[in-house]
Amino acid sequence: MDSFYTYALFSEQYNKIYIGYSSDVGKRLLAHNDERNKGWTAKFRPWKIIYTESFETKSEAMKREKQLKTAKGREFIWGIIKNN
């Protein structure tokens, strides 16, 4: 059975966070850090994974991603960063 993940990345160099979902977080991290990537995350490399949550369905992972992208969700992620 496939699992889906909601994840948060942190760019120490730029003090930025990125929240997303994927079925393969390791592969996704490589894509975010790949120099051929031209998306928003390309400007703030390198990224490291600081948080993951596992879900049974893609829709659950997407729902949690949406929650983490709210002000309260971002506050939760920044709390993790500050406590590490």
PDB file of N, CA and C in Angstrom:
ATOM      1  N   MET A   1       0.838  -1.202   0.000  1.00  0.00           N
ATOM      2  CA  MET A   1       0.000   0.000   0.000  1.00  0.00           C
ATOM      3  C   MET A   1       0.874   1.254   0.000  1.00  0.00           C
ATOM      4  N   ASP A   2       0.542   2.188  -0.861  1.00  0.00           N
ATOM      5  CA  ASP A   2       1.302   3.427  -0.954  1.00  0.00           C
ATOM      6  C   ASP A   2       1.017   4.326   0.234  1.00  0.00           C
ATOM      7  N   SER A   3       2.014   5.095   0.592  1.00  0.00           N
ATOM      8  CA  SER A   3       1.840   6.125   1.609  1.00  0.00           C
ATOM      9  C   SER A   3       2.065   7.478   0.957  1.00  0.00           C
ATOM     10  N   PHE A   4       1.468   8.485   1.531  1.00  0.00           N
ATOM     11  CA  PHE A   4       1.654   9.854   1.073  1.00  0.00           C
ATOM     12  C   PHE A   4       2.138  10.665   2.256  1.00  0.00           C
ATOM     13  N   TYR A   5       2.906  11.675   1.977  1.00  0.00           N
ATOM     14  CA  TYR A   5       3.545  12.449   3.027  1.00  0.00           C
ATOM     15  C   TYR A   5       3.328  13.934   2.825  1.00  0.00           C
ATOM     16  N   THR A   6       3.136  14.611   3.934  1.00  0.00           N
ATOM     17  CA  THR A   6       3.207  16.062   3.959  1.00  0.00           C
ATOM     18  C   THR A   6       4.564  16.358   4.566  1.00  0.00           C
ATOM     19  N   TYR A   7       5.273  17.320   3.994  1.00  0.00           N
ATOM     20  CA  TYR A   7       6.631  17.586   4.466  1.00  0.00           C
ATOM     21  C   TYR A   7       6.898  19.085   4.523  1.00  0.00           C
ATOM     22  N   ALA A   8       7.881  19.424   5.344  1.00  0.00           N
ATOM     23  CA  ALA A   8       8.338  20.809   5.411  1.00  0.00           C
ATOM     24  C   ALA A   8       9.841  20.809   5.195  1.00  0.00           C
ATOM     25  N   LEU A   9      10.272  21.721   4.333  1.00  0.00           N
ATOM     26  CA  LEU A   9      11.694  21.904   4.073  1.00  0.00           C
ATOM     27  C   LEU A   9      12.122  23.235   4.663  1.00  0.00           C
ATOM     28  N   PHE A  10      13.401  23.329   4.995  1.00  0.00           N
ATOM     29  CA  PHE A  10      13.947  24.563   5.536  1.00  0.00           C
ATOM     30  C   PHE A  10      15.233  24.909   4.808  1.00  0.00           C
ATOM     31  N   SER A  11      15.348  26.157   4.434  1.00  0.00           N
ATOM     32  CA  SER A  11      16.576  26.685   3.847  1.00  0.00           C
ATOM     33  C   SER A  11      17.232  27.559   4.908  1.00  0.00           C
ATOM     34  N   GLU A  12      18.272  27.010   5.549  1.00  0.00           N
ATOM     35  CA  GLU A  12      18.972  27.773   6.592  1.00  0.00           C
ATOM     36  C   GLU A  12      19.581  29.046   6.036  1.00  0.00           C
ATOM     37  N   GLN A  13      20.165  28.941   4.863  1.00  0.00           N
ATOM     38  CA  GLN A  13      20.861  30.071   4.246  1.00  0.00           C
ATOM     39  C   GLN A  13      19.938  31.269   4.038  1.00  0.00           C
ATOM     40  N   TYR A  14      18.675  31.010   3.689  1.00  0.00           N
ATOM     41  CA  TYR A  14      17.729  32.088   3.400  1.00  0.00           C
ATOM     42  C   TYR A  14      16.621  32.219   4.446  1.00  0.00           C
ATOM     43  N   ASN A  15      16.636  31.337   5.459  1.00  0.00           N
ATOM     44  CA  ASN A  15      15.621  31.340   6.512  1.00  0.00           C
ATOM     45  C   ASN A  15      14.204  31.258   5.937  1.00  0.00           C
ATOM     46  N   LYS A  16      14.013  30.302   5.018  1.00  0.00           N
ATOM     47  CA  LYS A  16      12.720  30.098   4.362  1.00  0.00           C
ATOM     48  C   LYS A  16      12.230  28.689   4.630  1.00  0.00           C
ATOM     49  N   ILE A  17      10.899  28.535   4.635  1.00  0.00           N
ATOM     50  CA  ILE A  17      10.310  27.205   4.727  1.00  0.00           C
ATOM     51  C   ILE A  17       9.489  26.940   3.472  1.00  0.00           C
ATOM     52  N   TYR A  18       9.336  25.670   3.166  1.00  0.00           N
ATOM     53  CA  TYR A  18       8.502  25.240   2.047  1.00  0.00           C
ATOM     54  C   TYR A  18       7.701  24.038   2.527  1.00  0.00           C
ATOM     55  N   ILE A  19       6.417  24.025   2.244  1.00  0.00           N
ATOM     56  CA  ILE A  19       5.534  22.939   2.664  1.00  0.00           C
ATOM     57  C   ILE A  19       4.936  22.294   1.419  1.00  0.00           C
ATOM     58  N   GLY A  20       4.970  20.963   1.367  1.00  0.00           N
ATOM     59  CA  GLY A  20       4.431  20.257   0.217  1.00  0.00           C
ATOM     60  C   GLY A  20       3.958  18.867   0.593  1.00  0.00           C
ATOM     61  N   TYR A  21       3.561  18.083  -0.413  1.00  0.00           N
ATOM     62  CA  TYR A  21       3.197  16.690  -0.183  1.00  0.00           C
ATOM     63  C   TYR A  21       3.759  15.861  -1.318  1.00  0.00           C
ATOM     64  N   SER A  22       3.981  14.575  -1.054  1.00  0.00           N
ATOM     65  CA  SER A  22       4.573  13.682  -2.047  1.00  0.00           C
ATOM     66  C   SER A  22       4.398  12.239  -1.602  1.00  0.00           C
ATOM     67  N   SER A  23       4.547  11.317  -2.550  1.00  0.00           N
ATOM     68  CA  SER A  23       4.567   9.900  -2.184  1.00  0.00           C
ATOM     69  C   SER A  23       6.007   9.434  -1.958  1.00  0.00           C
ATOM     70  N   ASP A  24       6.985  10.289  -2.302  1.00  0.00           N
ATOM     71  CA  ASP A  24       8.400   9.945  -2.114  1.00  0.00           C
ATOM     72  C   ASP A  24       9.164  11.207  -1.718  1.00  0.00           C
ATOM     73  N   VAL A  25       9.258  11.431  -0.416  1.00  0.00           N
ATOM     74  CA  VAL A  25       9.852  12.665   0.096  1.00  0.00           C
ATOM     75  C   VAL A  25      11.338  12.774  -0.272  1.00  0.00           C
ATOM     76  N   GLY A  26      12.064  11.675  -0.217  1.00  0.00           N
ATOM     77  CA  GLY A  26      13.487  11.696  -0.566  1.00  0.00           C
ATOM     78  C   GLY A  26      13.705  12.148  -2.000  1.00  0.00           C
ATOM     79  N   LYS A  27      12.924  11.592  -2.906  1.00  0.00           N
ATOM     80  CA  LYS A  27      13.025  11.961  -4.326  1.00  0.00           C
ATOM     81  C   LYS A  27      12.609  13.418  -4.523  1.00  0.00           C
ATOM     82  N   ARG A  28      11.604  13.837  -3.770  1.00  0.00           N
ATOM     83  CA  ARG A  28      11.112  15.217  -3.865  1.00  0.00           C
ATOM     84  C   ARG A  28      12.174  16.208  -3.403  1.00  0.00           C
ATOM     85  N   LEU A  29      12.875  15.860  -2.308  1.00  0.00           N
ATOM     86  CA  LEU A  29      13.950  16.721  -1.812  1.00  0.00           C
ATOM     87  C   LEU A  29      15.041  16.862  -2.877  1.00  0.00           C
ATOM     88  N   LEU A  30      15.406  15.750  -3.501  1.00  0.00           N
ATOM     89  CA  LEU A  30      16.409  15.803  -4.570  1.00  0.00           C
ATOM     90  C   LEU A  30      15.947  16.736  -5.691  1.00  0.00           C
ATOM     91  N   ALA A  31      14.668  16.666  -6.040  1.00  0.00           N
ATOM     92  CA  ALA A  31      14.127  17.535  -7.094  1.00  0.00           C
ATOM     93  C   ALA A  31      14.203  19.005  -6.680  1.00  0.00           C
ATOM     94  N   HIS A  32      13.853  19.319  -5.427  1.00  0.00           N
ATOM     95  CA  HIS A  32      13.912  20.707  -4.954  1.00  0.00           C
ATOM     96  C   HIS A  32      15.346  21.230  -4.984  1.00  0.00           C
ATOM     97  N   ASN A  33      16.312  20.371  -4.704  1.00  0.00           N
ATOM     98  CA  ASN A  33      17.711  20.790  -4.665  1.00  0.00           C
ATOM     99  C   ASN A  33      18.421  20.657  -6.013  1.00  0.00           C
ATOM    100  N   ASP A  34      17.756  20.093  -6.999  1.00  0.00           N
ATOM    101  CA  ASP A  34      18.346  19.888  -8.323  1.00  0.00           C
ATOM    102  C   ASP A  34      18.512  21.232  -9.041  1.00  0.00           C
ATOM    103  N   GLU A  35      19.683  21.461  -9.587  1.00  0.00           N
ATOM    104  CA  GLU A  35      19.950  22.737 -10.260  1.00  0.00           C
ATOM    105  C   GLU A  35      19.112  22.948 -11.517  1.00  0.00           C
ATOM    106  N   ARG A  36      18.530  21.875 -12.054  1.00  0.00           N
ATOM    107  CA  ARG A  36      17.667  22.010 -13.237  1.00  0.00           C
ATOM    108  C   ARG A  36      16.273  22.501 -12.863  1.00  0.00           C
ATOM    109  N   ASN A  37      15.940  22.460 -11.570  1.00  0.00           N
ATOM    110  CA  ASN A  37      14.645  22.941 -11.087  1.00  0.00           C
ATOM    111  C   ASN A  37      14.610  24.455 -11.194  1.00  0.00           C
ATOM    112  N   LYS A  38      13.581  24.975 -11.844  1.00  0.00           N
ATOM    113  CA  LYS A  38      13.470  26.430 -12.027  1.00  0.00           C
ATOM    114  C   LYS A  38      12.308  27.034 -11.239  1.00  0.00           C
ATOM    115  N   GLY A  39      11.712  26.269 -10.341  1.00  0.00           N
ATOM    116  CA  GLY A  39      10.564  26.767  -9.572  1.00  0.00           C
ATOM    117  C   GLY A  39      10.970  27.703  -8.436  1.00  0.00           C
ATOM    118  N   TRP A  40      10.010  28.043  -7.591  1.00  0.00           N
ATOM    119  CA  TRP A  40      10.227  28.954  -6.466  1.00  0.00           C
ATOM    120  C   TRP A  40      11.341  28.464  -5.565  1.00  0.00           C
ATOM    121  N   THR A  41      11.392  27.144  -5.327  1.00  0.00           N
ATOM    122  CA  THR A  41      12.389  26.611  -4.387  1.00  0.00           C
ATOM    123  C   THR A  41      13.809  26.735  -4.927  1.00  0.00           C
ATOM    124  N   ALA A  42      13.970  26.920  -6.230  1.00  0.00           N
ATOM    125  CA  ALA A  42      15.302  27.032  -6.832  1.00  0.00           C
ATOM    126  C   ALA A  42      16.084  28.226  -6.270  1.00  0.00           C
ATOM    127  N   LYS A  43      15.386  29.277  -5.889  1.00  0.00           N
ATOM    128  CA  LYS A  43      16.035  30.500  -5.399  1.00  0.00           C
ATOM    129  C   LYS A  43      16.624  30.359  -4.000  1.00  0.00           C
ATOM    130  N   PHE A  44      16.201  29.335  -3.277  1.00  0.00           N
ATOM    131  CA  PHE A  44      16.560  29.249  -1.858  1.00  0.00           C
ATOM    132  C   PHE A  44      17.293  27.964  -1.481  1.00  0.00           C
ATOM    133  N   ARG A  45      17.918  27.302  -2.461  1.00  0.00           N
ATOM    134  CA  ARG A  45      18.687  26.086  -2.187  1.00  0.00           C
ATOM    135  C   ARG A  45      19.889  26.398  -1.315  1.00  0.00           C
ATOM    136  N   PRO A  46      20.386  25.455  -0.530  1.00  0.00           N
ATOM    137  CA  PRO A  46      19.912  24.077  -0.381  1.00  0.00           C
ATOM    138  C   PRO A  46      18.796  23.963   0.650  1.00  0.00           C
ATOM    139  N   TRP A  47      17.973  22.939   0.462  1.00  0.00           N
ATOM    140  CA  TRP A  47      16.862  22.627   1.355  1.00  0.00           C
ATOM    141  C   TRP A  47      17.190  21.381   2.160  1.00  0.00           C
ATOM    142  N   LYS A  48      16.636  21.322   3.376  1.00  0.00           N
ATOM    143  CA  LYS A  48      16.711  20.076   4.148  1.00  0.00           C
ATOM    144  C   LYS A  48      15.326  19.782   4.708  1.00  0.00           C
ATOM    145  N   ILE A  49      15.034  18.507   4.867  1.00  0.00           N
ATOM    146  CA  ILE A  49      13.746  18.089   5.419  1.00  0.00           C
ATOM    147  C   ILE A  49      13.779  18.302   6.927  1.00  0.00           C
ATOM    148  N   ILE A  50      12.779  19.000   7.431  1.00  0.00           N
ATOM    149  CA  ILE A  50      12.723  19.214   8.879  1.00  0.00           C
ATOM    150  C   ILE A  50      11.488  18.591   9.516  1.00  0.00           C
ATOM    151  N   TYR A  51      10.523  18.162   8.670  1.00  0.00           N
ATOM    152  CA  TYR A  51       9.293  17.606   9.236  1.00  0.00           C
ATOM    153  C   TYR A  51       8.569  16.781   8.183  1.00  0.00           C
ATOM    154  N   THR A  52       8.050  15.625   8.592  1.00  0.00           N
ATOM    155  CA  THR A  52       7.205  14.819   7.713  1.00  0.00           C
ATOM    156  C   THR A  52       6.057  14.215   8.515  1.00  0.00           C
ATOM    157  N   GLU A  53       4.953  13.995   7.839  1.00  0.00           N
ATOM    158  CA  GLU A  53       3.804  13.273   8.390  1.00  0.00           C
ATOM    159  C   GLU A  53       3.356  12.291   7.326  1.00  0.00           C
ATOM    160  N   SER A  54       2.960  11.098   7.740  1.00  0.00           N
ATOM    161  CA  SER A  54       2.555  10.043   6.812  1.00  0.00           C
ATOM    162  C   SER A  54       1.035   9.881   6.806  1.00  0.00           C
ATOM    163  N   PHE A  55       0.481   9.645   5.614  1.00  0.00           N
ATOM    164  CA  PHE A  55      -0.959   9.455   5.448  1.00  0.00           C
ATOM    165  C   PHE A  55      -1.226   8.288   4.513  1.00  0.00           C
ATOM    166  N   GLU A  56      -2.393   7.698   4.638  1.00  0.00           N
ATOM    167  CA  GLU A  56      -2.771   6.567   3.782  1.00  0.00           C
ATOM    168  C   GLU A  56      -3.272   7.009   2.422  1.00  0.00           C
ATOM    169  N   THR A  57      -3.813   8.223   2.341  1.00  0.00           N
ATOM    170  CA  THR A  57      -4.349   8.686   1.063  1.00  0.00           C
ATOM    171  C   THR A  57      -3.738  10.031   0.664  1.00  0.00           C
ATOM    172  N   LYS A  58      -3.738  10.237  -0.638  1.00  0.00           N
ATOM    173  CA  LYS A  58      -3.236  11.498  -1.184  1.00  0.00           C
ATOM    174  C   LYS A  58      -4.090  12.669  -0.687  1.00  0.00           C
ATOM    175  N   SER A  59      -5.397  12.477  -0.622  1.00  0.00           N
ATOM    176  CA  SER A  59      -6.275  13.576  -0.195  1.00  0.00           C
ATOM    177  C   SER A  59      -6.011  13.985   1.255  1.00  0.00           C
ATOM    178  N   GLU A  60      -5.683  13.012   2.129  1.00  0.00           N
ATOM    179  CA  GLU A  60      -5.344  13.348   3.517  1.00  0.00           C
ATOM    180  C   GLU A  60      -4.058  14.177   3.565  1.00  0.00           C
ATOM    181  N   ALA A  61      -3.067  13.779   2.768  1.00  0.00           N
ATOM    182  CA  ALA A  61      -1.792  14.510   2.731  1.00  0.00           C
ATOM    183  C   ALA A  61      -2.002  15.926   2.199  1.00  0.00           C
ATOM    184  N   MET A  62      -2.841  16.052   1.176  1.00  0.00           N
ATOM    185  CA  MET A  62      -3.129  17.369   0.606  1.00  0.00           C
ATOM    186  C   MET A  62      -3.869  18.260   1.607  1.00  0.00           C
ATOM    187  N   LYS A  63      -4.771  17.660   2.355  1.00  0.00           N
ATOM    188  CA  LYS A  63      -5.527  18.409   3.366  1.00  0.00           C
ATOM    189  C   LYS A  63      -4.576  18.937   4.446  1.00  0.00           C
ATOM    190  N   ARG A  64      -3.649  18.082   4.884  1.00  0.00           N
ATOM    191  CA  ARG A  64      -2.688  18.501   5.918  1.00  0.00           C
ATOM    192  C   ARG A  64      -1.737  19.568   5.368  1.00  0.00           C
ATOM    193  N   GLU A  65      -1.343  19.420   4.107  1.00  0.00           N
ATOM    194  CA  GLU A  65      -0.482  20.444   3.486  1.00  0.00           C
ATOM    195  C   GLU A  65      -1.177  21.805   3.556  1.00  0.00           C
ATOM    196  N   LYS A  66      -2.453  21.810   3.210  1.00  0.00           N
ATOM    197  CA  LYS A  66      -3.234  23.052   3.239  1.00  0.00           C
ATOM    198  C   LYS A  66      -3.275  23.643   4.654  1.00  0.00           C
ATOM    199  N   GLN A  67      -3.438  22.771   5.670  1.00  0.00           N
ATOM    200  CA  GLN A  67      -3.452  23.231   7.063  1.00  0.00           C
ATOM    201  C   GLN A  67      -2.111  23.849   7.450  1.00  0.00           C
ATOM    202  N   LEU A  68      -1.019  23.181   7.047  1.00  0.00           N
ATOM    203  CA  LEU A  68       0.313  23.679   7.413  1.00  0.00           C
ATOM    204  C   LEU A  68       0.664  24.981   6.697  1.00  0.00           C
ATOM    205  N   LYS A  69      -0.016  25.269   5.613  1.00  0.00           N
ATOM    206  CA  LYS A  69       0.253  26.517   4.887  1.00  0.00           C
ATOM    207  C   LYS A  69      -0.515  27.707   5.459  1.00  0.00           C
ATOM    208  N   THR A  70      -1.351  27.455   6.472  1.00  0.00           N
ATOM    209  CA  THR A  70      -2.043  28.566   7.139  1.00  0.00           C
ATOM    210  C   THR A  70      -1.065  29.230   8.115  1.00  0.00           C
ATOM    211  N   ALA A  71      -1.454  30.372   8.648  1.00  0.00           N
ATOM    212  CA  ALA A  71      -0.601  31.078   9.617  1.00  0.00           C
ATOM    213  C   ALA A  71      -0.294  30.181  10.816  1.00  0.00           C
ATOM    214  N   LYS A  72      -1.310  29.482  11.319  1.00  0.00           N
ATOM    215  CA  LYS A  72      -1.127  28.602  12.465  1.00  0.00           C
ATOM    216  C   LYS A  72      -0.196  27.433  12.124  1.00  0.00           C
ATOM    217  N   GLY A  73      -0.348  26.894  10.925  1.00  0.00           N
ATOM    218  CA  GLY A  73       0.503  25.798  10.478  1.00  0.00           C
ATOM    219  C   GLY A  73       1.951  26.223  10.333  1.00  0.00           C
ATOM    220  N   ARG A  74       2.164  27.398   9.763  1.00  0.00           N
ATOM    221  CA  ARG A  74       3.528  27.917   9.608  1.00  0.00           C
ATOM    222  C   ARG A  74       4.159  28.195  10.971  1.00  0.00           C
ATOM    223  N   GLU A  75       3.345  28.670  11.897  1.00  0.00           N
ATOM    224  CA  GLU A  75       3.816  28.897  13.264  1.00  0.00           C
ATOM    225  C   GLU A  75       4.304  27.569  13.879  1.00  0.00           C
ATOM    226  N   PHE A  76       3.573  26.496  13.637  1.00  0.00           N
ATOM    227  CA  PHE A  76       3.941  25.159  14.105  1.00  0.00           C
ATOM    228  C   PHE A  76       5.305  24.748  13.528  1.00  0.00           C
ATOM    229  N   ILE A  77       5.498  24.948  12.218  1.00  0.00           N
ATOM    230  CA  ILE A  77       6.759  24.579  11.565  1.00  0.00           C
ATOM    231  C   ILE A  77       7.913  25.437  12.100  1.00  0.00           C
ATOM    232  N   TRP A  78       7.696  26.735  12.245  1.00  0.00           N
ATOM    233  CA  TRP A  78       8.765  27.601  12.787  1.00  0.00           C
ATOM    234  C   TRP A  78       9.111  27.202  14.219  1.00  0.00           C
ATOM    235  N   GLY A  79       8.115  26.722  14.966  1.00  0.00           N
ATOM    236  CA  GLY A  79       8.378  26.227  16.322  1.00  0.00           C
ATOM    237  C   GLY A  79       9.320  25.038  16.311  1.00  0.00           C
ATOM    238  N   ILE A  80       9.147  24.157  15.338  1.00  0.00           N
ATOM    239  CA  ILE A  80      10.039  23.001  15.191  1.00  0.00           C
ATOM    240  C   ILE A  80      11.459  23.468  14.895  1.00  0.00           C
ATOM    241  N   ILE A  81      11.580  24.437  13.999  1.00  0.00           N
ATOM    242  CA  ILE A  81      12.899  24.968  13.636  1.00  0.00           C
ATOM    243  C   ILE A  81      13.583  25.587  14.849  1.00  0.00           C
ATOM    244  N   LYS A  82      12.843  26.408  15.592  1.00  0.00           N
ATOM    245  CA  LYS A  82      13.416  27.079  16.764  1.00  0.00           C
ATOM    246  C   LYS A  82      13.836  26.122  17.862  1.00  0.00           C
ATOM    247  N   ASN A  83      13.162  24.983  17.945  1.00  0.00           N
ATOM    248  CA  ASN A  83      13.474  24.006  19.005  1.00  0.00           C
ATOM    249  C   ASN A  83      14.541  23.001  18.613  1.00  0.00           C
ATOM    250  N   ASN A  84      15.101  23.115  17.429  1.00  0.00           N
ATOM    251  CA  ASN A  84      16.161  22.187  16.995  1.00  0.00           C
ATOM    252  C   ASN A  84      17.526  22.812  17.079  1.00  0.00           C
TER     253      ASN A  84
END
